[in-house]
Protein backbone atom coordinates (compact mmCIF):
# COMPACT_ATOMS: atom_id res chain seq x y z
CA MET A 1 -16.39 -13.29 7.69
CA THR A 2 -19.11 -15.75 7.86
CA LEU A 3 -17.31 -19.30 6.45
CA SER A 4 -14.26 -19.06 8.85
CA PRO A 5 -16.00 -19.05 12.13
CA VAL A 6 -18.27 -21.85 11.04
CA LEU A 7 -15.82 -24.25 9.53
CA CYS A 8 -13.40 -23.71 12.64
CA SER A 9 -16.45 -24.60 14.93
CA LEU A 10 -17.05 -27.69 12.63
CA THR A 11 -13.52 -28.83 12.61
CA LEU A 12 -11.83 -27.56 15.68
CA ASN A 13 -14.64 -28.55 18.43
CA ARG A 14 -13.06 -31.89 19.20
CA LEU A 15 -9.49 -30.71 19.98
CA LYS A 16 -8.54 -31.18 23.87
CA PRO A 17 -6.05 -28.90 25.53
CA GLN A 18 -2.46 -29.97 25.51
CA ALA A 19 0.08 -29.81 28.19
CA ASP A 20 2.46 -27.08 28.03
CA ASN A 21 5.97 -28.24 26.52
CA PHE A 22 9.53 -27.23 27.97
CA LEU A 23 9.74 -23.99 25.88
CA VAL A 24 6.21 -22.54 26.49
CA ARG A 25 6.97 -23.50 30.28
CA TRP A 26 10.51 -21.60 30.42
CA MET A 27 9.02 -18.67 28.54
CA LEU A 28 6.32 -18.19 30.94
CA ARG A 29 8.34 -18.61 33.83
CA SER A 30 10.81 -16.08 32.30
CA TYR A 31 7.91 -13.69 31.77
CA LEU A 32 6.54 -14.11 35.09
CA ARG A 33 9.87 -13.37 36.55
CA GLU A 34 10.42 -10.29 34.58
CA LEU A 35 6.90 -8.94 35.12
CA GLN A 36 7.44 -9.40 39.25
CA TRP A 37 10.60 -7.51 38.84
CA CYS A 38 9.11 -4.54 36.67
CA LEU A 39 6.10 -4.27 39.24
CA ARG A 40 8.30 -4.33 42.07
CA TYR A 41 10.70 -1.64 40.61
CA ARG A 42 8.21 0.67 38.86
CA GLY A 43 10.43 3.87 38.68
CA ALA A 44 13.32 2.04 37.28
CA THR A 45 10.69 0.39 34.64
CA LEU A 46 9.58 3.73 33.82
CA LEU A 47 13.07 5.36 33.52
CA VAL A 48 14.02 2.56 31.22
CA PHE A 49 10.94 2.78 29.27
CA THR A 50 11.14 6.56 28.97
CA GLY A 51 15.15 6.28 27.74
CA VAL A 52 14.02 3.86 25.15
CA VAL A 53 11.36 6.05 24.09
CA ALA A 54 13.72 9.28 24.01
CA GLY A 55 16.52 7.28 22.26
CA THR A 56 14.03 6.42 19.69
CA LEU A 57 12.87 9.84 19.19
CA ALA A 58 16.40 11.21 19.19
CA ALA A 59 17.29 8.93 16.27
CA LEU A 60 14.54 9.78 14.22
CA PRO A 61 16.34 12.58 12.36
CA LEU A 62 19.20 10.43 11.57
CA LEU A 63 17.03 8.10 9.85
CA GLY A 64 16.49 8.84 5.99
CA ARG A 65 13.11 10.16 4.66
CA GLU A 66 12.69 7.48 1.92
CA PHE A 67 13.04 3.84 2.21
CA MET A 68 13.57 3.23 -1.34
CA PRO A 69 17.01 4.20 -2.84
CA GLU A 70 16.62 7.32 -5.16
CA LEU A 71 17.05 5.84 -8.97
CA GLU A 72 18.83 8.37 -11.20
CA GLU A 73 18.40 6.54 -14.55
CA GLY A 74 18.03 9.54 -16.23
CA ASN A 75 15.30 8.04 -18.28
CA ILE A 76 11.84 9.51 -18.94
CA TRP A 77 9.12 7.70 -21.03
CA LEU A 78 6.41 9.96 -22.62
CA GLN A 79 3.66 8.83 -24.07
CA ALA A 80 0.79 10.91 -25.70
CA THR A 81 -2.26 9.69 -27.03
CA LEU A 82 -3.70 11.41 -30.05
CA PRO A 83 -7.14 11.22 -31.50
CA MET A 84 -7.66 8.12 -33.48
CA THR A 85 -8.48 10.18 -36.54
CA SER A 86 -5.04 11.83 -36.57
CA SER A 87 -3.01 11.07 -39.66
CA LEU A 88 0.59 9.77 -39.50
CA ASP A 89 1.58 12.97 -40.71
CA GLU A 90 0.11 15.03 -37.98
CA SER A 91 1.29 12.73 -35.37
CA CYS A 92 4.91 13.08 -36.55
CA GLN A 93 4.37 16.92 -36.72
CA ARG A 94 3.11 16.87 -32.85
CA CYS A 95 5.83 14.53 -31.99
CA ILE A 96 8.50 16.83 -33.64
CA ILE A 97 6.94 19.73 -31.74
CA ALA A 98 7.36 17.75 -28.40
CA ARG A 99 10.89 16.89 -29.15
CA ASP A 100 11.88 20.24 -30.02
CA ILE A 101 10.37 21.66 -26.46
CA MET A 102 12.16 18.56 -24.77
CA LYS A 103 15.45 19.54 -26.29
CA GLY A 104 15.23 23.10 -24.99
CA TYR A 105 16.53 21.59 -21.48
CA PRO A 106 19.95 21.27 -21.08
CA GLU A 107 19.68 17.96 -19.09
CA VAL A 108 18.28 16.02 -22.11
CA GLU A 109 21.02 14.14 -24.00
CA PHE A 110 19.26 11.88 -26.42
CA LEU A 111 15.56 11.75 -27.47
CA LEU A 112 13.63 8.85 -29.30
CA CYS A 113 10.35 9.29 -31.16
CA GLN A 114 7.90 6.52 -31.98
CA VAL A 115 4.65 7.37 -33.56
CA GLY A 116 1.80 4.33 -33.78
CA ARG A 117 1.67 1.30 -32.03
CA PRO A 118 3.78 -1.97 -32.18
CA ASP A 119 3.25 -4.21 -35.55
CA ASP A 120 2.80 -7.52 -33.34
CA GLY A 121 -0.49 -6.72 -31.75
CA THR A 122 0.39 -7.01 -28.41
CA ASP A 123 0.01 -3.40 -27.23
CA PRO A 124 -3.57 -3.03 -25.52
CA ARG A 125 -4.19 0.28 -26.76
CA THR A 126 -6.79 0.56 -29.54
CA SER A 127 -4.64 2.79 -32.15
CA THR A 128 -4.75 1.56 -35.84
CA THR A 129 -2.06 3.84 -36.86
CA PRO A 130 1.00 1.41 -38.03
CA SER A 131 4.47 2.15 -36.24
CA SER A 132 7.11 4.68 -37.45
CA THR A 133 9.97 6.83 -36.36
CA CYS A 134 9.82 10.40 -36.99
CA ARG A 135 12.82 12.12 -38.40
């Protein structure tokens, strides 16, 4: 907010205006010609503008509600954090209870339960319980 204007004033104050090139002159002539037409035929301009706005509003219901496609992977990763004082046996028991609850849903085809943390130390969680799979 403060550095950019100061640097611009120090480095860009010696710039001199350049003559317009062909592209800028052509775009300016085209814009002025269209502006004169729009000012001369105001009714037609408003009619076209109203048609464009109405067409856009009419097309809105045809657009989707979400711009990202729906991913139906069918996978859910559920992570439960227990107190650090929980034993491995207690953690396995809670895992079995949670697994039994999830098996009650007909959509569930496969469950995998892991208790603990990875052995390689890359997990940022502070659990000190080694990893195991409950049966």
